[in-house]
Structures are given as C-alpha cells and as structure tokens.
Amino acid sequence: MEKRNKVFIATSLDGYIADKNGGLDWLHSIPNPDQEDMGYLPFMDEVDALIMGRTTFETVLGFDCEWPYTKPVFVLSTQLTEIPESHKGKAFFMKGSLTEVLQQVHAKGYHHLYIDGGSTIQGFLKEDLIDDLIITTIPVLLGGGSSLFGDLKAPLNFEYVSTKVFLGKVPQIRYKRVRE
C-alpha cells in the first residue's frame, strides 16, 4: 500500500501560518459569503487520518463549533498525557519519534495522512517525511508570526502539480515531493 503524508495549509504572502499573537483572524480577510471550503472537503477525501501537534489540537478544541473531523486524529505531544474525555475515540495521544509514530499509525491501517500544525509540519519536513504540499496563499502580509517552514538538514525538491484559484483571488498550489 502506498503511503502518503500530506500538508493542506494556508499561509500569508510572507509565509506565516499564524500572526505575531498566534491569531488566525487574517485567514478570513477575503470575503467568502458562500463559505467555499477552498478544496478542503475534496482533500479530506484523500486522507485516512490526521496527525497534528498539541498546539493545533488545543486550538481546534477552542473553536466555537463541533469537532470538525470525521477521521481519527493522532495528537503528538511531549506535554499532553491524556485526551479530554469529550474527544476520546476521536483523538488519540501519540508519543515517540516521527518514524515510530508513523509505524504505529500505519499498523492501524491508516496510510494517507494529513499532517497539520506548524511544529509538526516542520518536524516532518526535517525528517523528509512529507510527500505532498497543498498551500493556499491568503494575500496579506503579516510581518511576523509562526512561519510554516523552518530549518532543514538539506534542500527538499518539490514538483509543481497544479494551481486552483478560489474566490477569484486566493491561489492554492499543489506540489509533490521529488525523491531520487
């Protein structure tokens, strides 16, 4: 079975995924009166499960909505010791190296994974464990905040796959990892 680790994320023009205060309000700076999902639902059809970091998990828990995922969510954390009672059976705590976590998740039958959260994405990139990047660029400059990309051990080559434009002004570019 082919295994794929995928990132689906929005960034500012200057590559940030959260503003200087950790805020996400800038994601809604482009009017979206019809609540277009910008490719999110079709993307979710491509994945079996999610792997996210604790900060992203806690951010999602703080949203004023029902739990947005129908697929299992594996939460990476060195600080978290237990999933809240309200989310048991929906989210699962994972510990270990990224390779160990992937082995555990694959052993459960999940092979197409959505990798989410800044630190988690950076960790997967450092270990060259990302196969697909889908990046939606919101046309705003934040001037600082949480960067999507961090230091790498070596350059990683990606190949352009496609571009879609949402709301007439928000580009989404899909890349796939080129391995030699």
N, C-alpha and C. Protein backbone atom coordinates (compact mmCIF):
# COMPACT_ATOMS: atom_id res chain seq x y z
N MET A 1 0.84 -1.18 0.00
CA MET A 1 0.00 0.00 0.00
C MET A 1 0.88 1.24 0.00
N GLU A 2 0.59 2.14 -0.93
CA GLU A 2 1.34 3.40 -0.99
C GLU A 2 1.00 4.26 0.23
N LYS A 3 2.02 4.82 0.82
CA LYS A 3 1.83 5.70 1.98
C LYS A 3 2.13 7.13 1.54
N ARG A 4 1.26 8.07 1.95
CA ARG A 4 1.43 9.48 1.59
C ARG A 4 1.17 10.34 2.82
N ASN A 5 2.08 11.26 3.07
CA ASN A 5 1.91 12.26 4.12
C ASN A 5 1.69 13.59 3.44
N LYS A 6 0.55 14.23 3.74
CA LYS A 6 0.14 15.42 3.01
C LYS A 6 -0.07 16.60 3.95
N VAL A 7 0.28 17.77 3.46
CA VAL A 7 0.04 19.02 4.17
C VAL A 7 -0.99 19.80 3.38
N PHE A 8 -2.00 20.32 4.07
CA PHE A 8 -3.01 21.21 3.49
C PHE A 8 -3.10 22.38 4.44
N ILE A 9 -2.60 23.54 4.01
CA ILE A 9 -2.48 24.65 4.95
C ILE A 9 -2.55 25.98 4.21
N ALA A 10 -2.94 27.01 4.93
CA ALA A 10 -2.94 28.37 4.39
C ALA A 10 -1.80 29.15 5.01
N THR A 11 -1.19 30.00 4.19
CA THR A 11 -0.14 30.90 4.68
C THR A 11 -0.46 32.31 4.21
N SER A 12 0.17 33.26 4.88
CA SER A 12 0.15 34.64 4.41
C SER A 12 1.13 34.74 3.24
N LEU A 13 1.13 35.88 2.56
CA LEU A 13 2.09 36.08 1.47
C LEU A 13 3.52 35.90 1.94
N ASP A 14 3.80 36.28 3.18
CA ASP A 14 5.16 36.17 3.69
C ASP A 14 5.41 34.86 4.45
N GLY A 15 4.54 33.87 4.24
CA GLY A 15 4.83 32.51 4.70
C GLY A 15 4.48 32.18 6.13
N TYR A 16 3.61 32.97 6.76
CA TYR A 16 3.24 32.70 8.14
C TYR A 16 1.90 31.96 8.22
N ILE A 17 1.76 31.12 9.24
CA ILE A 17 0.52 30.37 9.43
C ILE A 17 -0.28 30.90 10.61
N ALA A 18 0.31 31.79 11.38
CA ALA A 18 -0.37 32.49 12.47
C ALA A 18 0.31 33.84 12.63
N ASP A 19 -0.43 34.83 13.12
CA ASP A 19 0.16 36.16 13.28
C ASP A 19 1.05 36.21 14.52
N LYS A 20 1.58 37.40 14.83
CA LYS A 20 2.53 37.56 15.94
C LYS A 20 1.94 37.17 17.29
N ASN A 21 0.61 37.20 17.41
CA ASN A 21 -0.06 36.83 18.65
C ASN A 21 -0.65 35.43 18.59
N GLY A 22 -0.30 34.68 17.55
CA GLY A 22 -0.85 33.33 17.38
C GLY A 22 -2.24 33.33 16.78
N GLY A 23 -2.71 34.51 16.36
CA GLY A 23 -4.07 34.64 15.83
C GLY A 23 -4.22 34.14 14.41
N LEU A 24 -5.47 33.80 14.09
CA LEU A 24 -5.81 33.28 12.77
C LEU A 24 -6.86 34.13 12.05
N ASP A 25 -7.23 35.27 12.61
CA ASP A 25 -8.27 36.10 12.01
C ASP A 25 -7.96 36.51 10.58
N TRP A 26 -6.70 36.68 10.25
CA TRP A 26 -6.28 37.08 8.91
C TRP A 26 -6.73 36.06 7.85
N LEU A 27 -6.99 34.81 8.26
CA LEU A 27 -7.46 33.80 7.32
C LEU A 27 -8.81 34.19 6.71
N HIS A 28 -9.53 35.07 7.38
CA HIS A 28 -10.86 35.49 6.92
C HIS A 28 -10.83 36.89 6.33
N SER A 29 -9.65 37.36 5.91
CA SER A 29 -9.53 38.72 5.38
C SER A 29 -10.14 38.87 3.99
N ILE A 30 -10.36 37.77 3.30
CA ILE A 30 -11.02 37.80 1.98
C ILE A 30 -12.47 37.37 2.19
N PRO A 31 -13.41 38.22 1.78
CA PRO A 31 -14.82 37.84 1.96
C PRO A 31 -15.13 36.51 1.27
N ASN A 32 -15.88 35.67 1.97
CA ASN A 32 -16.26 34.36 1.47
C ASN A 32 -17.74 34.13 1.80
N PRO A 33 -18.61 34.91 1.13
CA PRO A 33 -20.03 34.89 1.50
C PRO A 33 -20.71 33.52 1.34
N ASP A 34 -20.23 32.70 0.42
CA ASP A 34 -20.82 31.38 0.22
C ASP A 34 -20.13 30.29 1.03
N GLN A 35 -19.17 30.69 1.88
CA GLN A 35 -18.43 29.74 2.74
C GLN A 35 -17.79 28.62 1.92
N GLU A 36 -17.17 28.99 0.80
CA GLU A 36 -16.48 28.00 -0.02
C GLU A 36 -15.38 27.34 0.82
N ASP A 37 -15.24 26.02 0.70
CA ASP A 37 -14.27 25.29 1.52
C ASP A 37 -12.85 25.33 0.96
N MET A 38 -12.66 25.92 -0.17
CA MET A 38 -11.35 26.08 -0.82
C MET A 38 -10.62 24.76 -0.98
N GLY A 39 -11.37 23.73 -1.33
CA GLY A 39 -10.77 22.43 -1.62
C GLY A 39 -10.58 21.53 -0.42
N TYR A 40 -11.00 21.97 0.75
CA TYR A 40 -10.78 21.20 1.97
C TYR A 40 -11.52 19.86 1.95
N LEU A 41 -12.79 19.86 1.61
CA LEU A 41 -13.56 18.60 1.63
C LEU A 41 -13.02 17.59 0.63
N PRO A 42 -12.72 17.99 -0.63
CA PRO A 42 -12.10 17.01 -1.54
C PRO A 42 -10.75 16.50 -1.01
N PHE A 43 -9.98 17.40 -0.38
CA PHE A 43 -8.70 16.97 0.21
C PHE A 43 -8.95 15.92 1.30
N MET A 44 -9.92 16.16 2.16
CA MET A 44 -10.20 15.22 3.25
C MET A 44 -10.60 13.85 2.71
N ASP A 45 -11.17 13.80 1.51
CA ASP A 45 -11.49 12.51 0.89
C ASP A 45 -10.23 11.74 0.51
N GLU A 46 -9.09 12.44 0.42
CA GLU A 46 -7.81 11.81 0.04
C GLU A 46 -7.08 11.19 1.23
N VAL A 47 -7.51 11.51 2.45
CA VAL A 47 -6.76 11.06 3.62
C VAL A 47 -7.57 10.10 4.49
N ASP A 48 -6.84 9.27 5.24
CA ASP A 48 -7.45 8.29 6.16
C ASP A 48 -7.51 8.80 7.59
N ALA A 49 -6.53 9.64 7.96
CA ALA A 49 -6.40 10.09 9.34
C ALA A 49 -5.55 11.35 9.37
N LEU A 50 -5.51 12.01 10.53
CA LEU A 50 -4.72 13.22 10.71
C LEU A 50 -3.68 12.99 11.80
N ILE A 51 -2.55 13.65 11.63
CA ILE A 51 -1.54 13.73 12.68
C ILE A 51 -1.31 15.21 12.92
N MET A 52 -1.50 15.64 14.16
CA MET A 52 -1.30 17.05 14.48
C MET A 52 -0.60 17.19 15.82
N GLY A 53 -0.03 18.36 16.01
CA GLY A 53 0.62 18.64 17.28
C GLY A 53 -0.37 19.10 18.33
N ARG A 54 0.09 19.14 19.56
CA ARG A 54 -0.74 19.53 20.69
C ARG A 54 -1.30 20.94 20.54
N THR A 55 -0.49 21.89 20.11
CA THR A 55 -0.96 23.27 19.99
C THR A 55 -2.10 23.38 19.00
N THR A 56 -1.98 22.70 17.87
CA THR A 56 -3.06 22.71 16.87
C THR A 56 -4.29 22.03 17.44
N PHE A 57 -4.12 20.92 18.11
CA PHE A 57 -5.23 20.21 18.74
C PHE A 57 -5.96 21.13 19.72
N GLU A 58 -5.21 21.81 20.58
CA GLU A 58 -5.82 22.70 21.55
C GLU A 58 -6.50 23.89 20.87
N THR A 59 -5.93 24.37 19.78
CA THR A 59 -6.56 25.46 19.02
C THR A 59 -7.90 25.01 18.46
N VAL A 60 -7.93 23.81 17.87
CA VAL A 60 -9.18 23.28 17.31
C VAL A 60 -10.21 23.07 18.42
N LEU A 61 -9.78 22.57 19.57
CA LEU A 61 -10.70 22.39 20.70
C LEU A 61 -11.33 23.72 21.12
N GLY A 62 -10.60 24.82 20.92
CA GLY A 62 -11.09 26.14 21.31
C GLY A 62 -12.02 26.79 20.30
N PHE A 63 -12.16 26.21 19.10
CA PHE A 63 -13.07 26.77 18.11
C PHE A 63 -14.51 26.64 18.61
N ASP A 64 -15.33 27.60 18.26
CA ASP A 64 -16.73 27.58 18.67
C ASP A 64 -17.56 26.78 17.66
N CYS A 65 -17.29 25.48 17.62
CA CYS A 65 -18.02 24.60 16.71
C CYS A 65 -17.87 23.15 17.19
N GLU A 66 -18.62 22.27 16.57
CA GLU A 66 -18.48 20.85 16.88
C GLU A 66 -17.13 20.37 16.36
N TRP A 67 -16.68 19.23 16.84
CA TRP A 67 -15.43 18.62 16.38
C TRP A 67 -15.49 18.49 14.87
N PRO A 68 -14.55 19.09 14.14
CA PRO A 68 -14.67 19.17 12.68
C PRO A 68 -14.18 17.94 11.91
N TYR A 69 -13.69 16.92 12.59
CA TYR A 69 -13.10 15.79 11.88
C TYR A 69 -13.94 14.53 12.02
N THR A 70 -14.08 13.82 10.92
CA THR A 70 -14.77 12.53 10.94
C THR A 70 -13.76 11.39 10.91
N LYS A 71 -12.50 11.72 10.73
CA LYS A 71 -11.43 10.72 10.66
C LYS A 71 -10.61 10.78 11.94
N PRO A 72 -9.92 9.69 12.28
CA PRO A 72 -9.12 9.68 13.50
C PRO A 72 -8.05 10.77 13.48
N VAL A 73 -7.84 11.37 14.63
CA VAL A 73 -6.81 12.40 14.81
C VAL A 73 -5.79 11.88 15.81
N PHE A 74 -4.54 11.81 15.39
CA PHE A 74 -3.45 11.38 16.26
C PHE A 74 -2.69 12.63 16.69
N VAL A 75 -2.62 12.85 18.00
CA VAL A 75 -2.05 14.07 18.55
C VAL A 75 -0.66 13.78 19.11
N LEU A 76 0.32 14.51 18.62
CA LEU A 76 1.70 14.37 19.09
C LEU A 76 1.94 15.38 20.20
N SER A 77 2.51 14.92 21.29
CA SER A 77 2.81 15.84 22.37
C SER A 77 3.79 15.21 23.35
N THR A 78 4.67 16.06 23.87
CA THR A 78 5.52 15.62 24.96
C THR A 78 4.94 16.09 26.29
N GLN A 79 3.95 17.00 26.23
CA GLN A 79 3.35 17.56 27.44
C GLN A 79 1.99 16.94 27.77
N LEU A 80 1.21 16.67 26.75
CA LEU A 80 -0.13 16.12 26.94
C LEU A 80 -0.02 14.67 27.41
N THR A 81 -0.82 14.33 28.38
CA THR A 81 -0.79 12.94 28.87
C THR A 81 -2.09 12.20 28.60
N GLU A 82 -3.15 12.97 28.29
CA GLU A 82 -4.43 12.34 28.08
C GLU A 82 -5.30 13.20 27.17
N ILE A 83 -6.09 12.53 26.36
CA ILE A 83 -7.08 13.21 25.51
C ILE A 83 -8.28 13.54 26.39
N PRO A 84 -8.85 14.74 26.25
CA PRO A 84 -10.04 15.07 27.04
C PRO A 84 -11.15 14.03 26.83
N GLU A 85 -11.89 13.77 27.88
CA GLU A 85 -12.97 12.77 27.85
C GLU A 85 -13.91 12.99 26.66
N SER A 86 -14.20 14.27 26.37
CA SER A 86 -15.14 14.61 25.30
C SER A 86 -14.65 14.19 23.91
N HIS A 87 -13.35 13.91 23.78
CA HIS A 87 -12.80 13.58 22.46
C HIS A 87 -12.18 12.18 22.38
N LYS A 88 -12.36 11.41 23.43
CA LYS A 88 -11.87 10.03 23.40
C LYS A 88 -12.63 9.27 22.32
N GLY A 89 -11.89 8.48 21.55
CA GLY A 89 -12.47 7.76 20.43
C GLY A 89 -12.41 8.56 19.14
N LYS A 90 -12.13 9.87 19.25
CA LYS A 90 -11.99 10.74 18.08
C LYS A 90 -10.52 11.15 17.90
N ALA A 91 -9.85 11.37 19.01
CA ALA A 91 -8.45 11.78 19.00
C ALA A 91 -7.67 10.83 19.90
N PHE A 92 -6.41 10.60 19.52
CA PHE A 92 -5.59 9.63 20.22
C PHE A 92 -4.21 10.22 20.45
N PHE A 93 -3.71 10.10 21.65
CA PHE A 93 -2.41 10.61 22.03
C PHE A 93 -1.31 9.70 21.48
N MET A 94 -0.26 10.28 20.91
CA MET A 94 0.86 9.51 20.36
C MET A 94 2.17 10.07 20.88
N LYS A 95 3.10 9.18 21.14
CA LYS A 95 4.43 9.55 21.61
C LYS A 95 5.47 8.77 20.82
N GLY A 96 6.67 9.34 20.71
CA GLY A 96 7.76 8.67 20.04
C GLY A 96 8.32 9.51 18.92
N SER A 97 9.33 8.98 18.25
CA SER A 97 9.89 9.68 17.10
C SER A 97 8.84 9.68 15.99
N LEU A 98 9.01 10.55 15.02
CA LEU A 98 8.04 10.61 13.92
C LEU A 98 7.98 9.29 13.17
N THR A 99 9.11 8.64 13.00
CA THR A 99 9.13 7.34 12.32
C THR A 99 8.36 6.30 13.13
N GLU A 100 8.54 6.32 14.45
CA GLU A 100 7.80 5.38 15.31
C GLU A 100 6.30 5.67 15.27
N VAL A 101 5.94 6.94 15.30
CA VAL A 101 4.52 7.32 15.23
C VAL A 101 3.92 6.85 13.91
N LEU A 102 4.64 7.08 12.81
CA LEU A 102 4.13 6.62 11.51
C LEU A 102 3.96 5.11 11.49
N GLN A 103 4.90 4.38 12.04
CA GLN A 103 4.78 2.92 12.08
C GLN A 103 3.53 2.50 12.85
N GLN A 104 3.27 3.17 13.98
CA GLN A 104 2.09 2.85 14.79
C GLN A 104 0.80 3.17 14.04
N VAL A 105 0.77 4.33 13.38
CA VAL A 105 -0.44 4.74 12.65
C VAL A 105 -0.65 3.83 11.44
N HIS A 106 0.41 3.49 10.72
CA HIS A 106 0.29 2.58 9.58
C HIS A 106 -0.20 1.20 10.04
N ALA A 107 0.29 0.75 11.19
CA ALA A 107 -0.13 -0.55 11.71
C ALA A 107 -1.64 -0.58 12.01
N LYS A 108 -2.22 0.58 12.24
CA LYS A 108 -3.67 0.67 12.49
C LYS A 108 -4.46 0.73 11.17
N GLY A 109 -3.73 0.72 10.02
CA GLY A 109 -4.39 0.70 8.72
C GLY A 109 -4.56 2.06 8.05
N TYR A 110 -3.92 3.09 8.59
CA TYR A 110 -4.02 4.44 8.01
C TYR A 110 -2.74 4.75 7.25
N HIS A 111 -2.88 5.04 5.97
CA HIS A 111 -1.70 5.21 5.11
C HIS A 111 -1.63 6.56 4.40
N HIS A 112 -2.75 7.23 4.25
CA HIS A 112 -2.79 8.56 3.62
C HIS A 112 -3.11 9.56 4.72
N LEU A 113 -2.08 10.28 5.15
CA LEU A 113 -2.18 11.07 6.37
C LEU A 113 -2.11 12.57 6.10
N TYR A 114 -2.96 13.30 6.80
CA TYR A 114 -2.97 14.76 6.79
C TYR A 114 -2.11 15.20 7.96
N ILE A 115 -1.01 15.86 7.67
CA ILE A 115 -0.09 16.34 8.70
C ILE A 115 -0.42 17.81 8.95
N ASP A 116 -0.74 18.17 10.19
CA ASP A 116 -1.19 19.53 10.47
C ASP A 116 -0.51 20.09 11.71
N GLY A 117 -0.30 21.40 11.68
CA GLY A 117 0.32 22.11 12.80
C GLY A 117 1.73 22.52 12.44
N GLY A 118 2.07 23.76 12.72
CA GLY A 118 3.36 24.31 12.33
C GLY A 118 4.56 23.49 12.75
N SER A 119 4.70 23.23 14.03
CA SER A 119 5.86 22.47 14.53
C SER A 119 5.86 21.05 13.99
N THR A 120 4.68 20.47 13.88
CA THR A 120 4.57 19.10 13.38
C THR A 120 4.98 19.04 11.91
N ILE A 121 4.50 19.98 11.12
CA ILE A 121 4.88 20.03 9.70
C ILE A 121 6.38 20.24 9.58
N GLN A 122 6.93 21.16 10.36
CA GLN A 122 8.38 21.40 10.30
C GLN A 122 9.16 20.15 10.67
N GLY A 123 8.71 19.42 11.69
CA GLY A 123 9.37 18.18 12.09
C GLY A 123 9.33 17.14 10.98
N PHE A 124 8.18 16.99 10.35
CA PHE A 124 8.05 16.04 9.24
C PHE A 124 8.94 16.45 8.08
N LEU A 125 9.02 17.75 7.79
CA LEU A 125 9.89 18.22 6.70
C LEU A 125 11.36 17.97 7.04
N LYS A 126 11.76 18.23 8.27
CA LYS A 126 13.16 17.99 8.69
C LYS A 126 13.55 16.54 8.49
N GLU A 127 12.59 15.64 8.67
CA GLU A 127 12.86 14.21 8.52
C GLU A 127 12.54 13.72 7.10
N ASP A 128 12.21 14.64 6.21
CA ASP A 128 11.85 14.32 4.82
C ASP A 128 10.71 13.31 4.75
N LEU A 129 9.64 13.61 5.49
CA LEU A 129 8.51 12.69 5.57
C LEU A 129 7.23 13.28 4.95
N ILE A 130 7.35 14.37 4.21
CA ILE A 130 6.18 14.97 3.54
C ILE A 130 6.24 14.62 2.06
N ASP A 131 5.12 14.12 1.53
CA ASP A 131 5.04 13.75 0.12
C ASP A 131 4.30 14.78 -0.72
N ASP A 132 3.33 15.46 -0.13
CA ASP A 132 2.51 16.43 -0.87
C ASP A 132 2.32 17.68 -0.03
N LEU A 133 2.46 18.83 -0.68
CA LEU A 133 2.18 20.12 -0.05
C LEU A 133 1.06 20.78 -0.83
N ILE A 134 -0.01 21.17 -0.15
CA ILE A 134 -1.08 21.95 -0.75
C ILE A 134 -1.13 23.24 0.06
N ILE A 135 -0.69 24.34 -0.56
CA ILE A 135 -0.55 25.60 0.16
C ILE A 135 -1.48 26.64 -0.46
N THR A 136 -2.37 27.15 0.35
CA THR A 136 -3.28 28.21 -0.05
C THR A 136 -2.70 29.52 0.48
N THR A 137 -2.52 30.50 -0.40
CA THR A 137 -1.89 31.75 0.00
C THR A 137 -2.94 32.85 0.11
N ILE A 138 -3.12 33.35 1.33
CA ILE A 138 -4.03 34.46 1.58
C ILE A 138 -3.24 35.74 1.31
N PRO A 139 -3.76 36.63 0.46
CA PRO A 139 -2.98 37.81 0.07
C PRO A 139 -2.92 38.90 1.15
N VAL A 140 -2.20 38.58 2.21
CA VAL A 140 -1.97 39.53 3.29
C VAL A 140 -0.54 39.33 3.79
N LEU A 141 0.13 40.43 4.12
CA LEU A 141 1.45 40.36 4.73
C LEU A 141 1.30 40.53 6.24
N LEU A 142 1.80 39.59 7.01
CA LEU A 142 1.68 39.65 8.46
C LEU A 142 2.91 40.29 9.11
N GLY A 143 4.05 40.23 8.46
CA GLY A 143 5.25 40.85 9.00
C GLY A 143 5.85 40.13 10.19
N GLY A 144 5.41 38.93 10.45
CA GLY A 144 5.93 38.14 11.56
C GLY A 144 4.86 37.19 12.06
N GLY A 145 5.28 36.26 12.88
CA GLY A 145 4.36 35.27 13.42
C GLY A 145 4.99 33.90 13.40
N SER A 146 4.16 32.89 13.21
CA SER A 146 4.63 31.50 13.14
C SER A 146 4.85 31.13 11.68
N SER A 147 6.08 30.85 11.35
CA SER A 147 6.44 30.51 9.97
C SER A 147 6.05 29.06 9.66
N LEU A 148 5.62 28.84 8.43
CA LEU A 148 5.34 27.46 8.02
C LEU A 148 6.62 26.65 7.95
N PHE A 149 7.65 27.24 7.40
CA PHE A 149 8.88 26.48 7.16
C PHE A 149 9.96 26.87 8.16
N GLY A 150 10.78 25.89 8.52
CA GLY A 150 11.89 26.10 9.43
C GLY A 150 13.17 25.59 8.80
N ASP A 151 14.18 25.42 9.61
CA ASP A 151 15.46 24.92 9.13
C ASP A 151 15.33 23.47 8.67
N LEU A 152 16.08 23.15 7.63
CA LEU A 152 16.11 21.79 7.09
C LEU A 152 17.53 21.27 7.11
N LYS A 153 17.68 19.97 7.15
CA LYS A 153 19.00 19.34 7.10
C LYS A 153 19.62 19.52 5.71
N ALA A 154 18.77 19.50 4.69
CA ALA A 154 19.21 19.64 3.29
C ALA A 154 18.00 20.14 2.50
N PRO A 155 18.25 20.72 1.32
CA PRO A 155 17.11 21.16 0.50
C PRO A 155 16.21 19.98 0.12
N LEU A 156 14.91 20.24 0.04
CA LEU A 156 13.94 19.25 -0.40
C LEU A 156 13.32 19.75 -1.70
N ASN A 157 13.40 18.94 -2.73
CA ASN A 157 12.84 19.33 -4.02
C ASN A 157 11.40 18.87 -4.15
N PHE A 158 10.55 19.79 -4.56
CA PHE A 158 9.15 19.50 -4.83
C PHE A 158 8.86 19.88 -6.27
N GLU A 159 7.89 19.21 -6.84
CA GLU A 159 7.49 19.45 -8.22
C GLU A 159 6.09 20.05 -8.24
N TYR A 160 5.91 21.07 -9.04
CA TYR A 160 4.60 21.70 -9.21
C TYR A 160 3.63 20.68 -9.80
N VAL A 161 2.42 20.62 -9.27
CA VAL A 161 1.38 19.73 -9.78
C VAL A 161 0.25 20.54 -10.41
N SER A 162 -0.30 21.50 -9.64
CA SER A 162 -1.44 22.26 -10.16
C SER A 162 -1.69 23.51 -9.32
N THR A 163 -2.49 24.40 -9.88
CA THR A 163 -2.93 25.59 -9.17
C THR A 163 -4.43 25.73 -9.35
N LYS A 164 -5.12 26.08 -8.28
CA LYS A 164 -6.53 26.46 -8.32
C LYS A 164 -6.62 27.84 -7.70
N VAL A 165 -7.57 28.62 -8.15
CA VAL A 165 -7.79 29.94 -7.56
C VAL A 165 -9.20 29.96 -7.00
N PHE A 166 -9.31 30.34 -5.73
CA PHE A 166 -10.60 30.40 -5.05
C PHE A 166 -10.98 31.86 -4.82
N LEU A 167 -12.26 32.12 -4.88
CA LEU A 167 -12.82 33.46 -4.65
C LEU A 167 -12.22 34.51 -5.58
N GLY A 168 -11.65 34.06 -6.69
CA GLY A 168 -11.07 34.97 -7.67
C GLY A 168 -9.78 35.63 -7.25
N LYS A 169 -9.24 35.27 -6.06
CA LYS A 169 -8.02 35.96 -5.59
C LYS A 169 -7.16 35.18 -4.61
N VAL A 170 -7.51 33.93 -4.36
CA VAL A 170 -6.75 33.13 -3.40
C VAL A 170 -6.19 31.89 -4.10
N PRO A 171 -4.88 31.91 -4.42
CA PRO A 171 -4.29 30.75 -5.11
C PRO A 171 -3.97 29.60 -4.15
N GLN A 172 -4.17 28.41 -4.67
CA GLN A 172 -3.81 27.20 -3.93
C GLN A 172 -2.92 26.38 -4.87
N ILE A 173 -1.71 26.11 -4.42
CA ILE A 173 -0.75 25.39 -5.26
C ILE A 173 -0.46 24.04 -4.62
N ARG A 174 -0.47 23.03 -5.47
CA ARG A 174 -0.19 21.66 -5.04
C ARG A 174 1.19 21.27 -5.58
N TYR A 175 2.01 20.72 -4.68
CA TYR A 175 3.35 20.22 -5.02
C TYR A 175 3.48 18.78 -4.56
N LYS A 176 4.34 18.03 -5.23
CA LYS A 176 4.66 16.68 -4.73
C LYS A 176 6.17 16.57 -4.59
N ARG A 177 6.59 15.81 -3.61
CA ARG A 177 8.00 15.62 -3.32
C ARG A 177 8.66 14.82 -4.42
N VAL A 178 9.81 15.29 -4.86
CA VAL A 178 10.61 14.58 -5.86
C VAL A 178 11.75 13.89 -5.11
N ARG A 179 11.74 12.59 -5.14
CA ARG A 179 12.80 11.81 -4.50
C ARG A 179 13.61 11.10 -5.57
N GLU A 180 14.89 11.06 -5.37
CA GLU A 180 15.76 10.43 -6.39
C GLU A 180 16.16 9.04 -6.03
